[in-house]
Amino acid sequence: MLKFAICVGAAALCGVSASLPAQPVPKDYPNKPIRVVVPSPPGGPPDLIIRMLMPKLSAVLGQSLVIDNRTGAGGVVGTNFVAPAAPDGYTWLFTTASHTNTPPFNKNVPFDPVRDFSHVSLVAQNFGQALIVPPGFPARTVQELIALARQQPGKLNYGSAGIGTASHIPAEVMKSMSGTDIVGVQYRGVPEVITDLLGGRIEMFFVGTQIALPLIQAGKVRALALTGAKRWKGLPDVPTMQEAGFKDYNLINWFGLWLPAGASRALVARLHAETVKALADAEVRQQFDVQGLEAVGSKPDDFARFVAKESAFMIEFARRIETAGK
């Protein structure tokens, strides 16, 4: 069993600072549509969030944003498409904490999440993932789930949207802290996991509140806990994992915006400023609130330091998981 405090996504920012070229933004930028690569399927949390921001950003930039859902390998496929792209502002990356979570678990990832990107802004974070199960699942609390897993080692399955994603890490932390044998089943994206959960082919899934809430309200799933440190007003009766007996368990998901490495400081500053304006919009704030999201809008250098810290944490976490499994 692993013993350590978990606090992924906290806003303590320290580490490295980005060094960017000083050339100005072209006066006609942007003069064509902008490709926004989301390395997960349509309907997933990052896809929903960037679509909330699109109308505001398109209006101020005077060009359309075209979402390109390039899926596969827990976000690696889409992210690796952006890394070598021209740093001219016409290719963006919008993704989740999987940006730093996935590489330590996959030795073949061809990019560095810190070095190979220009960091624009930490856009949003949630109150944690919801641990959801089918309505007929016999365990009605996390404690009952753990007891069931101990009675039937290797028999229960959790789904995730890929190694290192925000649905994979919480499950592995729960397993390591409880000493249980629950089998992970990897999928291409969140919609596929939901399909199999509803179909009874897996027993549990850690997913963002914006995805979980309508399923809970429709009675299609039950929520046993949230992974953040505090309850969310949208699910006031759902306890946190800490309340369920997992001391120091605090895992939230976060969402950020990047350009390929080498983008000019002026370009990054321009896109950061426009993102912050969009996040301050009352309509966007209301949409975020309903979905259980908090707008952030951190400065580029702060975001670079944040990504570096998250990356270092996940490298150490992956090492401990690997050591514990031997």
C-alpha atoms as a PDB file:
ATOM      1  CA  MET A   1       0.000   0.000   0.000  1.00  0.00           C
ATOM      2  CA  LEU A   2       1.232   3.497  -0.789  1.00  0.00           C
ATOM      3  CA  LYS A   3       1.273   6.140   1.918  1.00  0.00           C
ATOM      4  CA  PHE A   4       1.459   9.760   0.813  1.00  0.00           C
ATOM      5  CA  ALA A   5      -0.640  12.913   0.718  1.00  0.00           C
ATOM      6  CA  ILE A   6      -2.539  13.429  -2.519  1.00  0.00           C
ATOM      7  CA  CYS A   7      -3.207  16.958  -3.748  1.00  0.00           C
ATOM      8  CA  VAL A   8      -3.141  17.012  -7.524  1.00  0.00           C
ATOM      9  CA  GLY A   9      -4.339  20.250  -9.079  1.00  0.00           C
ATOM     10  CA  ALA A  10      -3.765  22.503  -6.092  1.00  0.00           C
ATOM     11  CA  ALA A  11      -2.954  26.070  -6.984  1.00  0.00           C
ATOM     12  CA  ALA A  12       0.481  26.202  -5.322  1.00  0.00           C
ATOM     13  CA  LEU A  13       2.659  27.351  -8.190  1.00  0.00           C
ATOM     14  CA  CYS A  14       6.406  26.900  -8.147  1.00  0.00           C
ATOM     15  CA  GLY A  15       9.098  25.577 -10.470  1.00  0.00           C
ATOM     16  CA  VAL A  16      10.285  26.823 -13.842  1.00  0.00           C
ATOM     17  CA  SER A  17       9.577  29.918 -15.886  1.00  0.00           C
ATOM     18  CA  ALA A  18       8.903  29.921 -19.578  1.00  0.00           C
ATOM     19  CA  SER A  19      11.373  31.739 -21.831  1.00  0.00           C
ATOM     20  CA  LEU A  20       9.679  32.941 -24.991  1.00  0.00           C
ATOM     21  CA  PRO A  21      10.755  34.920 -28.066  1.00  0.00           C
ATOM     22  CA  ALA A  22       9.962  38.644 -27.949  1.00  0.00           C
ATOM     23  CA  GLN A  23       8.683  39.140 -31.514  1.00  0.00           C
ATOM     24  CA  PRO A  24       5.310  40.947 -31.751  1.00  0.00           C
ATOM     25  CA  VAL A  25       2.011  39.417 -32.787  1.00  0.00           C
ATOM     26  CA  PRO A  26       1.334  39.981 -36.530  1.00  0.00           C
ATOM     27  CA  LYS A  27      -1.116  42.860 -36.988  1.00  0.00           C
ATOM     28  CA  ASP A  28      -3.492  40.679 -38.996  1.00  0.00           C
ATOM     29  CA  TYR A  29      -3.549  37.818 -36.479  1.00  0.00           C
ATOM     30  CA  PRO A  30      -5.686  35.846 -36.759  1.00  0.00           C
ATOM     31  CA  ASN A  31      -6.478  35.978 -40.458  1.00  0.00           C
ATOM     32  CA  LYS A  32      -7.848  32.426 -40.765  1.00  0.00           C
ATOM     33  CA  PRO A  33      -9.708  29.902 -38.592  1.00  0.00           C
ATOM     34  CA  ILE A  34      -7.878  28.508 -35.573  1.00  0.00           C
ATOM     35  CA  ARG A  35      -7.607  24.776 -34.967  1.00  0.00           C
ATOM     36  CA  VAL A  36      -8.202  23.798 -31.327  1.00  0.00           C
ATOM     37  CA  VAL A  37      -7.010  20.250 -30.737  1.00  0.00           C
ATOM     38  CA  VAL A  38      -8.887  18.440 -27.971  1.00  0.00           C
ATOM     39  CA  PRO A  39      -7.212  15.044 -27.494  1.00  0.00           C
ATOM     40  CA  SER A  40     -10.380  13.338 -26.249  1.00  0.00           C
ATOM     41  CA  PRO A  41     -13.771  12.493 -27.791  1.00  0.00           C
ATOM     42  CA  PRO A  42     -16.657  14.921 -28.308  1.00  0.00           C
ATOM     43  CA  GLY A  43     -18.835  15.197 -25.231  1.00  0.00           C
ATOM     44  CA  GLY A  44     -15.983  14.739 -22.756  1.00  0.00           C
ATOM     45  CA  PRO A  45     -15.141  17.381 -20.115  1.00  0.00           C
ATOM     46  CA  PRO A  46     -12.463  19.337 -22.073  1.00  0.00           C
ATOM     47  CA  ASP A  47     -14.629  19.322 -25.192  1.00  0.00           C
ATOM     48  CA  LEU A  48     -17.577  20.743 -23.251  1.00  0.00           C
ATOM     49  CA  ILE A  49     -15.478  23.425 -21.570  1.00  0.00           C
ATOM     50  CA  ILE A  50     -13.791  24.778 -24.690  1.00  0.00           C
ATOM     51  CA  ARG A  51     -17.172  24.887 -26.420  1.00  0.00           C
ATOM     52  CA  MET A  52     -18.446  27.111 -23.597  1.00  0.00           C
ATOM     53  CA  LEU A  53     -15.593  29.528 -24.316  1.00  0.00           C
ATOM     54  CA  MET A  54     -15.681  29.352 -28.119  1.00  0.00           C
ATOM     55  CA  PRO A  55     -18.384  31.972 -28.777  1.00  0.00           C
ATOM     56  CA  LYS A  56     -16.597  34.587 -26.660  1.00  0.00           C
ATOM     57  CA  LEU A  57     -13.140  33.854 -28.062  1.00  0.00           C
ATOM     58  CA  SER A  58     -14.343  33.710 -31.664  1.00  0.00           C
ATOM     59  CA  ALA A  59     -16.117  37.034 -31.278  1.00  0.00           C
ATOM     60  CA  VAL A  60     -13.101  38.878 -29.891  1.00  0.00           C
ATOM     61  CA  LEU A  61     -10.584  37.269 -32.276  1.00  0.00           C
ATOM     62  CA  GLY A  62     -12.777  37.705 -35.331  1.00  0.00           C
ATOM     63  CA  GLN A  63     -12.194  34.140 -36.522  1.00  0.00           C
ATOM     64  CA  SER A  64     -13.874  30.821 -35.944  1.00  0.00           C
ATOM     65  CA  LEU A  65     -12.371  28.190 -33.662  1.00  0.00           C
ATOM     66  CA  VAL A  66     -12.527  24.708 -35.155  1.00  0.00           C
ATOM     67  CA  ILE A  67     -12.502  21.853 -32.651  1.00  0.00           C
ATOM     68  CA  ASP A  68     -10.355  18.902 -33.719  1.00  0.00           C
ATOM     69  CA  ASN A  69     -11.037  15.885 -31.477  1.00  0.00           C
ATOM     70  CA  ARG A  70      -7.901  13.786 -31.985  1.00  0.00           C
ATOM     71  CA  THR A  71      -8.331  10.864 -29.646  1.00  0.00           C
ATOM     72  CA  GLY A  72      -6.260   7.934 -28.493  1.00  0.00           C
ATOM     73  CA  ALA A  73      -3.719   6.755 -25.912  1.00  0.00           C
ATOM     74  CA  GLY A  74      -5.110   8.842 -23.057  1.00  0.00           C
ATOM     75  CA  GLY A  75      -4.582  12.121 -24.914  1.00  0.00           C
ATOM     76  CA  VAL A  76      -1.157  11.308 -26.353  1.00  0.00           C
ATOM     77  CA  VAL A  77      -2.261  11.212 -30.003  1.00  0.00           C
ATOM     78  CA  GLY A  78      -3.803  14.678 -30.056  1.00  0.00           C
ATOM     79  CA  THR A  79      -1.179  16.264 -27.839  1.00  0.00           C
ATOM     80  CA  ASN A  80       1.614  14.888 -29.998  1.00  0.00           C
ATOM     81  CA  PHE A  81      -0.072  16.399 -33.048  1.00  0.00           C
ATOM     82  CA  VAL A  82       0.235  19.860 -31.487  1.00  0.00           C
ATOM     83  CA  ALA A  83       3.796  19.570 -30.139  1.00  0.00           C
ATOM     84  CA  PRO A  84       5.609  19.857 -33.510  1.00  0.00           C
ATOM     85  CA  ALA A  85       3.110  22.276 -35.078  1.00  0.00           C
ATOM     86  CA  ALA A  86       4.080  25.802 -36.078  1.00  0.00           C
ATOM     87  CA  PRO A  87       3.954  28.127 -33.028  1.00  0.00           C
ATOM     88  CA  ASP A  88       2.057  30.768 -34.993  1.00  0.00           C
ATOM     89  CA  GLY A  89      -1.148  30.737 -32.948  1.00  0.00           C
ATOM     90  CA  TYR A  90      -3.230  28.755 -35.409  1.00  0.00           C
ATOM     91  CA  THR A  91      -2.926  25.444 -33.540  1.00  0.00           C
ATOM     92  CA  TRP A  92      -4.026  25.308 -29.920  1.00  0.00           C
ATOM     93  CA  LEU A  93      -4.121  22.455 -27.421  1.00  0.00           C
ATOM     94  CA  PHE A  94      -6.929  22.304 -24.886  1.00  0.00           C
ATOM     95  CA  THR A  95      -6.807  19.366 -22.528  1.00  0.00           C
ATOM     96  CA  THR A  96      -6.904  18.137 -18.952  1.00  0.00           C
ATOM     97  CA  ALA A  97      -4.521  17.063 -16.207  1.00  0.00           C
ATOM     98  CA  SER A  98      -3.806  14.040 -18.412  1.00  0.00           C
ATOM     99  CA  HIS A  99      -1.262  16.359 -20.067  1.00  0.00           C
ATOM    100  CA  THR A 100       1.059  15.764 -17.106  1.00  0.00           C
ATOM    101  CA  ASN A 101      -0.498  12.539 -15.799  1.00  0.00           C
ATOM    102  CA  THR A 102      -0.122  10.313 -18.850  1.00  0.00           C
ATOM    103  CA  PRO A 103       3.610  10.590 -19.781  1.00  0.00           C
ATOM    104  CA  PRO A 104       4.982   9.048 -16.551  1.00  0.00           C
ATOM    105  CA  PHE A 105       2.855   5.932 -17.132  1.00  0.00           C
ATOM    106  CA  ASN A 106       3.836   5.578 -20.787  1.00  0.00           C
ATOM    107  CA  LYS A 107       7.537   5.397 -21.552  1.00  0.00           C
ATOM    108  CA  ASN A 108       6.835   5.846 -25.286  1.00  0.00           C
ATOM    109  CA  VAL A 109       5.235   9.302 -25.041  1.00  0.00           C
ATOM    110  CA  PRO A 110       7.161  11.374 -27.625  1.00  0.00           C
ATOM    111  CA  PHE A 111       6.682  14.803 -26.048  1.00  0.00           C
ATOM    112  CA  ASP A 112       7.632  16.555 -22.830  1.00  0.00           C
ATOM    113  CA  PRO A 113       4.573  18.253 -21.231  1.00  0.00           C
ATOM    114  CA  VAL A 114       6.695  21.143 -19.952  1.00  0.00           C
ATOM    115  CA  ARG A 115       9.434  21.703 -22.533  1.00  0.00           C
ATOM    116  CA  ASP A 116       7.481  21.102 -25.758  1.00  0.00           C
ATOM    117  CA  PHE A 117       4.671  23.625 -25.223  1.00  0.00           C
ATOM    118  CA  SER A 118       4.046  27.316 -24.653  1.00  0.00           C
ATOM    119  CA  HIS A 119       1.810  27.620 -21.594  1.00  0.00           C
ATOM    120  CA  VAL A 120      -1.076  30.057 -22.063  1.00  0.00           C
ATOM    121  CA  SER A 121      -3.345  29.566 -19.055  1.00  0.00           C
ATOM    122  CA  LEU A 122      -4.770  27.231 -16.476  1.00  0.00           C
ATOM    123  CA  VAL A 123      -8.389  27.736 -17.503  1.00  0.00           C
ATOM    124  CA  ALA A 124     -10.512  25.860 -14.979  1.00  0.00           C
ATOM    125  CA  GLN A 125     -10.593  23.220 -12.278  1.00  0.00           C
ATOM    126  CA  ASN A 126     -13.371  21.143 -10.770  1.00  0.00           C
ATOM    127  CA  PHE A 127     -14.353  19.936  -7.316  1.00  0.00           C
ATOM    128  CA  GLY A 128     -13.062  16.484  -8.051  1.00  0.00           C
ATOM    129  CA  GLN A 129     -14.264  13.456  -9.955  1.00  0.00           C
ATOM    130  CA  ALA A 130     -17.478  11.693  -8.992  1.00  0.00           C
ATOM    131  CA  LEU A 131     -17.171   7.987  -8.228  1.00  0.00           C
ATOM    132  CA  ILE A 132     -20.254   6.583  -9.957  1.00  0.00           C
ATOM    133  CA  VAL A 133     -21.702   3.066 -10.053  1.00  0.00           C
ATOM    134  CA  PRO A 134     -24.783   1.488 -11.701  1.00  0.00           C
ATOM    135  CA  PRO A 135     -28.075   1.857  -9.767  1.00  0.00           C
ATOM    136  CA  GLY A 136     -28.166  -1.847  -8.940  1.00  0.00           C
ATOM    137  CA  PHE A 137     -24.604  -2.046  -7.631  1.00  0.00           C
ATOM    138  CA  PRO A 138     -24.766  -3.655  -4.164  1.00  0.00           C
ATOM    139  CA  ALA A 139     -22.389  -1.208  -2.461  1.00  0.00           C
ATOM    140  CA  ARG A 140     -24.067   2.063  -1.492  1.00  0.00           C
ATOM    141  CA  THR A 141     -21.023   3.676   0.139  1.00  0.00           C
ATOM    142  CA  VAL A 142     -17.288   3.742  -0.515  1.00  0.00           C
ATOM    143  CA  GLN A 143     -16.727   1.668   2.613  1.00  0.00           C
ATOM    144  CA  GLU A 144     -19.122  -0.999   1.289  1.00  0.00           C
ATOM    145  CA  LEU A 145     -17.385  -0.903  -2.108  1.00  0.00           C
ATOM    146  CA  ILE A 146     -13.995  -1.504  -0.495  1.00  0.00           C
ATOM    147  CA  ALA A 147     -15.432  -4.336   1.599  1.00  0.00           C
ATOM    148  CA  LEU A 148     -16.882  -5.936  -1.535  1.00  0.00           C
ATOM    149  CA  ALA A 149     -13.580  -5.557  -3.394  1.00  0.00           C
ATOM    150  CA  ARG A 150     -11.752  -7.283  -0.522  1.00  0.00           C
ATOM    151  CA  GLN A 151     -14.250 -10.142  -0.561  1.00  0.00           C
ATOM    152  CA  GLN A 152     -13.879 -10.565  -4.328  1.00  0.00           C
ATOM    153  CA  PRO A 153     -10.283  -9.653  -5.283  1.00  0.00           C
ATOM    154  CA  GLY A 154      -9.853  -9.167  -9.025  1.00  0.00           C
ATOM    155  CA  LYS A 155     -13.592  -9.455  -9.709  1.00  0.00           C
ATOM    156  CA  LEU A 156     -14.611  -5.770  -9.783  1.00  0.00           C
ATOM    157  CA  ASN A 157     -13.693  -3.510 -12.707  1.00  0.00           C
ATOM    158  CA  TYR A 158     -13.302   0.228 -13.034  1.00  0.00           C
ATOM    159  CA  GLY A 159     -13.296   2.027 -16.367  1.00  0.00           C
ATOM    160  CA  SER A 160     -10.995   4.837 -17.390  1.00  0.00           C
ATOM    161  CA  ALA A 161     -10.439   7.010 -20.434  1.00  0.00           C
ATOM    162  CA  GLY A 162      -6.796   5.940 -20.605  1.00  0.00           C
ATOM    163  CA  ILE A 163      -3.672   5.558 -18.517  1.00  0.00           C
ATOM    164  CA  GLY A 164      -2.866   8.748 -16.621  1.00  0.00           C
ATOM    165  CA  THR A 165      -6.247  10.384 -17.192  1.00  0.00           C
ATOM    166  CA  ALA A 166      -8.409  11.925 -14.482  1.00  0.00           C
ATOM    167  CA  SER A 167     -10.472   8.734 -14.410  1.00  0.00           C
ATOM    168  CA  HIS A 168      -7.433   6.468 -14.017  1.00  0.00           C
ATOM    169  CA  ILE A 169      -5.432   8.235 -11.291  1.00  0.00           C
ATOM    170  CA  PRO A 170      -8.248   8.445  -8.668  1.00  0.00           C
ATOM    171  CA  ALA A 171      -8.998   4.742  -9.052  1.00  0.00           C
ATOM    172  CA  GLU A 172      -5.348   3.759  -8.687  1.00  0.00           C
ATOM    173  CA  VAL A 173      -4.981   5.978  -5.620  1.00  0.00           C
ATOM    174  CA  MET A 174      -8.083   4.385  -4.073  1.00  0.00           C
ATOM    175  CA  LYS A 175      -6.683   0.917  -4.782  1.00  0.00           C
ATOM    176  CA  SER A 176      -3.271   1.717  -3.337  1.00  0.00           C
ATOM    177  CA  MET A 177      -4.650   3.381  -0.202  1.00  0.00           C
ATOM    178  CA  SER A 178      -7.123   0.563   0.466  1.00  0.00           C
ATOM    179  CA  GLY A 179      -4.954  -2.358  -0.610  1.00  0.00           C
ATOM    180  CA  THR A 180      -7.664  -3.709  -2.932  1.00  0.00           C
ATOM    181  CA  ASP A 181      -7.420  -5.580  -6.224  1.00  0.00           C
ATOM    182  CA  ILE A 182      -9.772  -3.819  -8.653  1.00  0.00           C
ATOM    183  CA  VAL A 183      -9.122  -4.303 -12.362  1.00  0.00           C
ATOM    184  CA  GLY A 184      -8.712  -1.277 -14.618  1.00  0.00           C
ATOM    185  CA  VAL A 185     -10.300  -1.379 -18.081  1.00  0.00           C
ATOM    186  CA  GLN A 186      -8.996   1.259 -20.491  1.00  0.00           C
ATOM    187  CA  TYR A 187     -11.209   2.966 -23.099  1.00  0.00           C
ATOM    188  CA  ARG A 188     -10.658   5.491 -25.857  1.00  0.00           C
ATOM    189  CA  GLY A 189     -12.689   8.166 -24.109  1.00  0.00           C
ATOM    190  CA  VAL A 190     -15.338   9.031 -21.523  1.00  0.00           C
ATOM    191  CA  PRO A 191     -18.450   8.282 -23.674  1.00  0.00           C
ATOM    192  CA  GLU A 192     -17.311   4.703 -24.226  1.00  0.00           C
ATOM    193  CA  VAL A 193     -16.794   4.173 -20.493  1.00  0.00           C
ATOM    194  CA  ILE A 194     -20.262   5.534 -19.741  1.00  0.00           C
ATOM    195  CA  THR A 195     -21.769   3.148 -22.301  1.00  0.00           C
ATOM    196  CA  ASP A 196     -20.193   0.111 -20.645  1.00  0.00           C
ATOM    197  CA  LEU A 197     -21.024   1.327 -17.131  1.00  0.00           C
ATOM    198  CA  LEU A 198     -24.681   1.718 -18.083  1.00  0.00           C
ATOM    199  CA  GLY A 199     -24.536  -1.669 -19.798  1.00  0.00           C
ATOM    200  CA  GLY A 200     -23.241  -3.362 -16.659  1.00  0.00           C
ATOM    201  CA  ARG A 201     -19.908  -4.403 -18.143  1.00  0.00           C
ATOM    202  CA  ILE A 202     -17.909  -2.438 -15.544  1.00  0.00           C
ATOM    203  CA  GLU A 203     -18.817  -1.558 -11.975  1.00  0.00           C
ATOM    204  CA  MET A 204     -17.369   1.898 -11.328  1.00  0.00           C
ATOM    205  CA  PHE A 205     -16.005   5.047 -12.957  1.00  0.00           C
ATOM    206  CA  PHE A 206     -14.431   8.279 -11.706  1.00  0.00           C
ATOM    207  CA  VAL A 207     -15.759  11.080 -13.936  1.00  0.00           C
ATOM    208  CA  GLY A 208     -16.129  14.858 -13.868  1.00  0.00           C
ATOM    209  CA  THR A 209     -19.200  16.268 -12.159  1.00  0.00           C
ATOM    210  CA  GLN A 210     -20.367  17.944 -15.365  1.00  0.00           C
ATOM    211  CA  ILE A 211     -20.713  14.488 -16.939  1.00  0.00           C
ATOM    212  CA  ALA A 212     -21.962  12.706 -13.828  1.00  0.00           C
ATOM    213  CA  LEU A 213     -24.688  15.149 -12.773  1.00  0.00           C
ATOM    214  CA  PRO A 214     -27.253  14.551 -15.555  1.00  0.00           C
ATOM    215  CA  LEU A 215     -26.754  10.777 -15.255  1.00  0.00           C
ATOM    216  CA  ILE A 216     -27.333  10.972 -11.501  1.00  0.00           C
ATOM    217  CA  GLN A 217     -30.388  13.194 -11.917  1.00  0.00           C
ATOM    218  CA  ALA A 218     -31.838  10.747 -14.463  1.00  0.00           C
ATOM    219  CA  GLY A 219     -31.329   7.842 -12.057  1.00  0.00           C
ATOM    220  CA  LYS A 220     -28.969   6.059 -14.443  1.00  0.00           C
ATOM    221  CA  VAL A 221     -26.073   5.963 -11.945  1.00  0.00           C
ATOM    222  CA  ARG A 222     -25.393   6.560  -8.260  1.00  0.00           C
ATOM    223  CA  ALA A 223     -22.570   8.683  -6.892  1.00  0.00           C
ATOM    224  CA  LEU A 224     -20.668   7.288  -3.911  1.00  0.00           C
ATOM    225  CA  ALA A 225     -18.136  10.080  -3.382  1.00  0.00           C
ATOM    226  CA  LEU A 226     -16.271  13.073  -4.781  1.00  0.00           C
ATOM    227  CA  THR A 227     -12.475  13.117  -4.969  1.00  0.00           C
ATOM    228  CA  GLY A 228     -11.977  16.772  -4.009  1.00  0.00           C
ATOM    229  CA  ALA A 229     -11.429  18.091  -0.495  1.00  0.00           C
ATOM    230  CA  LYS A 230     -14.858  19.710  -0.192  1.00  0.00           C
ATOM    231  CA  ARG A 231     -18.416  18.863  -1.159  1.00  0.00           C
ATOM    232  CA  TRP A 232     -19.957  20.425  -4.244  1.00  0.00           C
ATOM    233  CA  LYS A 233     -23.255  22.280  -3.969  1.00  0.00           C
ATOM    234  CA  GLY A 234     -24.538  20.500  -7.087  1.00  0.00           C
ATOM    235  CA  LEU A 235     -24.343  17.167  -5.228  1.00  0.00           C
ATOM    236  CA  PRO A 236     -24.673  18.257  -1.597  1.00  0.00           C
ATOM    237  CA  ASP A 237     -25.464  14.772  -0.279  1.00  0.00           C
ATOM    238  CA  VAL A 238     -22.428  13.117  -1.869  1.00  0.00           C
ATOM    239  CA  PRO A 239     -19.505  12.847   0.595  1.00  0.00           C
ATOM    240  CA  THR A 240     -15.859  13.378  -0.239  1.00  0.00           C
ATOM    241  CA  MET A 241     -13.370  10.520  -0.280  1.00  0.00           C
ATOM    242  CA  GLN A 242     -11.854  12.072   2.842  1.00  0.00           C
ATOM    243  CA  GLU A 243     -15.220  11.805   4.585  1.00  0.00           C
ATOM    244  CA  ALA A 244     -15.361   8.190   3.426  1.00  0.00           C
ATOM    245  CA  GLY A 245     -12.194   7.453   5.368  1.00  0.00           C
ATOM    246  CA  PHE A 246      -9.409   8.231   2.865  1.00  0.00           C
ATOM    247  CA  LYS A 247      -7.295  10.727   4.772  1.00  0.00           C
ATOM    248  CA  ASP A 248      -5.484  13.349   2.649  1.00  0.00           C
ATOM    249  CA  TYR A 249      -7.263  12.174  -0.516  1.00  0.00           C
ATOM    250  CA  ASN A 250      -7.684  15.301  -2.647  1.00  0.00           C
ATOM    251  CA  LEU A 251      -7.734  14.845  -6.407  1.00  0.00           C
ATOM    252  CA  ILE A 252      -9.241  17.438  -8.708  1.00  0.00           C
ATOM    253  CA  ASN A 253      -9.118  17.717 -12.482  1.00  0.00           C
ATOM    254  CA  TRP A 254      -7.864  20.827 -14.232  1.00  0.00           C
ATOM    255  CA  PHE A 255      -8.040  22.151 -17.787  1.00  0.00           C
ATOM    256  CA  GLY A 256      -5.503  24.243 -19.652  1.00  0.00           C
ATOM    257  CA  LEU A 257      -4.631  25.942 -22.911  1.00  0.00           C
ATOM    258  CA  TRP A 258      -1.285  25.571 -24.703  1.00  0.00           C
ATOM    259  CA  LEU A 259       0.460  26.480 -27.951  1.00  0.00           C
ATOM    260  CA  PRO A 260       3.417  24.619 -29.450  1.00  0.00           C
ATOM    261  CA  ALA A 261       6.785  25.524 -27.948  1.00  0.00           C
ATOM    262  CA  GLY A 262       8.378  28.618 -29.432  1.00  0.00           C
ATOM    263  CA  ALA A 263       5.287  30.818 -29.567  1.00  0.00           C
ATOM    264  CA  SER A 264       6.183  34.443 -28.948  1.00  0.00           C
ATOM    265  CA  ARG A 265       5.636  35.955 -25.527  1.00  0.00           C
ATOM    266  CA  ALA A 266       3.416  38.609 -27.121  1.00  0.00           C
ATOM    267  CA  LEU A 267       1.202  35.970 -28.763  1.00  0.00           C
ATOM    268  CA  VAL A 268       0.895  34.004 -25.533  1.00  0.00           C
ATOM    269  CA  ALA A 269       0.062  37.207 -23.653  1.00  0.00           C
ATOM    270  CA  ARG A 270      -2.613  38.137 -26.211  1.00  0.00           C
ATOM    271  CA  LEU A 271      -4.322  34.749 -26.023  1.00  0.00           C
ATOM    272  CA  HIS A 272      -4.049  34.694 -22.246  1.00  0.00           C
ATOM    273  CA  ALA A 273      -5.708  38.111 -22.017  1.00  0.00           C
ATOM    274  CA  GLU A 274      -8.565  37.065 -24.304  1.00  0.00           C
ATOM    275  CA  THR A 275      -9.040  33.834 -22.346  1.00  0.00           C
ATOM    276  CA  VAL A 276      -9.254  35.719 -19.060  1.00  0.00           C
ATOM    277  CA  LYS A 277     -11.869  38.073 -20.558  1.00  0.00           C
ATOM    278  CA  ALA A 278     -13.915  35.085 -21.719  1.00  0.00           C
ATOM    279  CA  LEU A 279     -13.691  33.484 -18.275  1.00  0.00           C
ATOM    280  CA  ALA A 280     -14.928  36.714 -16.674  1.00  0.00           C
ATOM    281  CA  ASP A 281     -18.087  36.740 -18.809  1.00  0.00           C
ATOM    282  CA  ALA A 282     -21.217  36.316 -16.686  1.00  0.00           C
ATOM    283  CA  GLU A 283     -22.731  33.737 -19.042  1.00  0.00           C
ATOM    284  CA  VAL A 284     -19.575  31.625 -19.011  1.00  0.00           C
ATOM    285  CA  ARG A 285     -19.345  31.869 -15.221  1.00  0.00           C
ATOM    286  CA  GLN A 286     -22.946  30.701 -14.898  1.00  0.00           C
ATOM    287  CA  GLN A 287     -22.293  27.745 -17.207  1.00  0.00           C
ATOM    288  CA  PHE A 288     -19.176  26.831 -15.239  1.00  0.00           C
ATOM    289  CA  ASP A 289     -21.066  27.035 -11.951  1.00  0.00           C
ATOM    290  CA  VAL A 290     -23.773  24.670 -13.165  1.00  0.00           C
ATOM    291  CA  GLN A 291     -21.120  22.204 -14.326  1.00  0.00           C
ATOM    292  CA  GLY A 292     -19.170  22.265 -11.062  1.00  0.00           C
ATOM    293  CA  LEU A 293     -16.224  24.199 -12.474  1.00  0.00           C
ATOM    294  CA  GLU A 294     -14.158  27.073 -11.099  1.00  0.00           C
ATOM    295  CA  ALA A 295     -12.633  29.537 -13.572  1.00  0.00           C
ATOM    296  CA  VAL A 296      -8.914  30.174 -13.017  1.00  0.00           C
ATOM    297  CA  GLY A 297      -7.167  32.149 -15.778  1.00  0.00           C
ATOM    298  CA  SER A 298      -3.631  31.956 -14.341  1.00  0.00           C
ATOM    299  CA  LYS A 299      -0.791  33.952 -15.896  1.00  0.00           C
ATOM    300  CA  PRO A 300       1.398  32.109 -18.449  1.00  0.00           C
ATOM    301  CA  ASP A 301       4.504  31.979 -16.239  1.00  0.00           C
ATOM    302  CA  ASP A 302       2.439  30.766 -13.279  1.00  0.00           C
ATOM    303  CA  PHE A 303       0.848  28.130 -15.497  1.00  0.00           C
ATOM    304  CA  ALA A 304       4.276  26.968 -16.673  1.00  0.00           C
ATOM    305  CA  ARG A 305       5.372  26.555 -13.067  1.00  0.00           C
ATOM    306  CA  PHE A 306       2.141  24.753 -12.218  1.00  0.00           C
ATOM    307  CA  VAL A 307       2.593  22.273 -15.101  1.00  0.00           C
ATOM    308  CA  ALA A 308       6.190  21.630 -14.053  1.00  0.00           C
ATOM    309  CA  LYS A 309       5.116  20.885 -10.489  1.00  0.00           C
ATOM    310  CA  GLU A 310       2.271  18.607 -11.600  1.00  0.00           C
ATOM    311  CA  SER A 311       4.604  16.770 -13.963  1.00  0.00           C
ATOM    312  CA  ALA A 312       7.185  16.193 -11.225  1.00  0.00           C
ATOM    313  CA  PHE A 313       4.498  14.943  -8.831  1.00  0.00           C
ATOM    314  CA  MET A 314       3.126  12.460 -11.361  1.00  0.00           C
ATOM    315  CA  ILE A 315       6.593  11.138 -12.220  1.00  0.00           C
ATOM    316  CA  GLU A 316       7.092  10.335  -8.534  1.00  0.00           C
ATOM    317  CA  PHE A 317       3.567   8.904  -8.211  1.00  0.00           C
ATOM    318  CA  ALA A 318       4.044   6.614 -11.220  1.00  0.00           C
ATOM    319  CA  ARG A 319       7.356   5.440  -9.779  1.00  0.00           C
ATOM    320  CA  ARG A 320       5.697   4.550  -6.482  1.00  0.00           C
ATOM    321  CA  ILE A 321       2.859   2.709  -8.245  1.00  0.00           C
ATOM    322  CA  GLU A 322       5.399   0.723 -10.254  1.00  0.00           C
ATOM    323  CA  THR A 323       7.468  -0.062  -7.141  1.00  0.00           C
ATOM    324  CA  ALA A 324       4.398  -1.121  -5.150  1.00  0.00           C
ATOM    325  CA  GLY A 325       3.362  -3.497  -7.932  1.00  0.00           C
ATOM    326  CA  LYS A 326       6.661  -5.414  -7.877  1.00  0.00           C
END
